[in-house]
Every structure is written in C-alpha cells, then in structure tokens.
Protein backbone atom coordinates (compact mmCIF):
# COMPACT_ATOMS: atom_id res chain seq x y z
CA MET A 1 0.00 0.00 0.00
CA ALA A 2 2.89 2.38 0.73
CA GLU A 3 4.22 1.88 -2.80
CA ILE A 4 0.80 2.60 -4.32
CA ASN A 5 0.50 5.78 -2.25
CA ALA A 6 4.01 6.84 -3.28
CA LEU A 7 3.64 6.21 -7.03
CA ALA A 8 -0.02 6.69 -7.96
CA PRO A 9 -1.85 10.00 -8.54
CA PHE A 10 -4.26 8.95 -5.76
CA SER A 11 -3.92 7.69 -2.18
CA VAL A 12 -5.43 4.51 -0.77
CA GLY A 13 -6.42 3.68 2.79
CA ILE A 14 -7.50 0.34 4.25
CA LEU A 15 -8.94 -0.03 7.74
CA PRO A 16 -10.15 -3.26 9.33
CA THR A 17 -13.69 -3.36 10.73
CA LYS A 18 -13.69 -5.43 13.93
CA THR A 19 -16.39 -7.13 15.92
CA GLY A 20 -14.69 -7.90 19.22
CA LYS A 21 -11.25 -9.24 18.34
CA ARG A 22 -12.36 -10.61 14.99
CA VAL A 23 -11.95 -8.69 11.74
CA THR A 24 -15.34 -8.82 10.04
CA GLY A 25 -14.66 -6.51 7.11
CA ILE A 26 -12.50 -3.77 5.69
CA LEU A 27 -13.09 -0.13 4.87
CA LEU A 28 -11.40 0.86 1.62
CA SER A 29 -10.97 4.54 0.79
CA TRP A 30 -9.14 6.56 -1.83
CA TYR A 31 -8.82 10.18 -2.88
CA MET A 32 -7.03 12.16 -5.55
CA LYS A 33 -3.79 13.82 -4.46
CA ASP A 34 -3.35 17.57 -4.78
CA LYS A 35 -1.02 18.89 -7.50
CA GLU A 36 2.11 18.94 -5.33
CA GLU A 37 1.60 15.36 -4.13
CA ALA A 38 0.80 14.14 -7.65
CA ASP A 39 3.93 15.89 -9.01
CA ALA A 40 6.06 14.23 -6.32
CA ALA A 41 4.58 10.83 -7.21
CA TRP A 42 5.27 11.39 -10.92
CA LYS A 43 8.84 12.45 -10.14
CA GLU A 44 9.37 9.22 -8.17
CA VAL A 45 7.95 7.15 -11.04
CA GLY A 46 10.60 8.69 -13.29
CA ARG A 47 13.45 7.86 -10.93
CA SER A 48 15.41 4.63 -10.86
CA LYS A 49 13.79 1.64 -9.16
CA ILE A 50 17.04 1.04 -7.30
CA GLY A 51 16.57 2.38 -3.78
CA ARG A 52 12.85 3.13 -4.26
CA LYS A 53 11.72 1.16 -1.19
CA GLN A 54 14.20 3.07 0.97
CA ARG A 55 13.15 6.45 -0.49
CA ILE A 56 9.48 5.62 0.11
CA ALA A 57 10.19 4.48 3.67
CA GLY A 58 12.36 7.55 4.27
CA THR A 59 15.41 5.47 5.17
CA ALA A 60 17.57 6.25 2.12
CA GLU A 61 20.88 7.90 2.91
CA MET A 62 22.93 10.13 0.63
CA VAL A 63 26.54 9.00 0.78
CA LEU A 64 27.78 12.11 -0.93
CA GLU A 65 26.08 15.22 -2.20
CA PRO A 66 26.33 15.64 -5.99
CA MET A 67 29.31 17.78 -6.97
CA PRO A 68 29.75 19.96 -10.07
CA SER A 69 32.26 18.84 -12.69
CA ILE A 70 35.72 20.38 -12.86
CA ASN A 71 34.76 22.09 -16.14
CA ARG A 72 31.75 23.74 -14.49
CA ILE A 73 33.90 24.97 -11.58
CA VAL A 74 36.50 26.41 -13.97
CA ARG A 75 33.81 28.04 -16.14
CA LYS A 76 32.11 29.58 -13.08
CA ASP A 77 35.46 30.90 -11.83
CA ARG A 78 36.24 32.37 -15.26
CA MET A 79 32.83 34.07 -15.41
CA SER A 80 33.23 35.56 -11.93
CA ARG A 81 36.56 37.14 -12.93
CA ASP A 82 35.33 38.60 -16.23
CA PRO A 83 31.58 39.26 -16.25
CA ASN A 84 31.74 40.79 -19.76
CA SER A 85 33.13 37.59 -21.26
CA SER A 86 30.81 35.70 -23.61
CA HIS A 87 32.41 32.33 -22.72
C-alpha cells in the first residue's frame, strides 16, 4: 500500500472493521492527491527503481552530495573574474 500511495496519482487507505477481536470486514478509501503530491509521485515514477523502497520508507541515505564537474567549476570561476566575457 505504501508503494501505491508513493507512485499513484491517488492515495489509498485500508482499515479493518472489527467485531470484538475478529476482523469482520474492511473499509477501503481513496482520494485524488493535490497537484504537489501528484507531481512528487510522478517524479518518483521517473526515478530509478534502485533504492525506491528506501526512499518511500524515508530510510535512504545520501553517501555524498552531488558535486559539479571540474569544467563547471573552472567556467564559473572564469565568469566571476570577467563578467563581460561571452564564454
């Protein structure tokens, strides 16, 4: 159910209906996500499946933050020295 709620444009809920200690039925509910939640779900669908369970559970860890390439660092440094340069 967590994977459905993380990837679908809607959310699902399931609650047991009990009589005493015995489950006698279930209550199934769903609703459409708002735009932000639906966008987040679509973004996750587009990501790699590797690590998806950990991202959904919130237990994924970033080993290292992404770093810019050496060329980007050099280009940014060059631009900061000469703002009139077209390169």
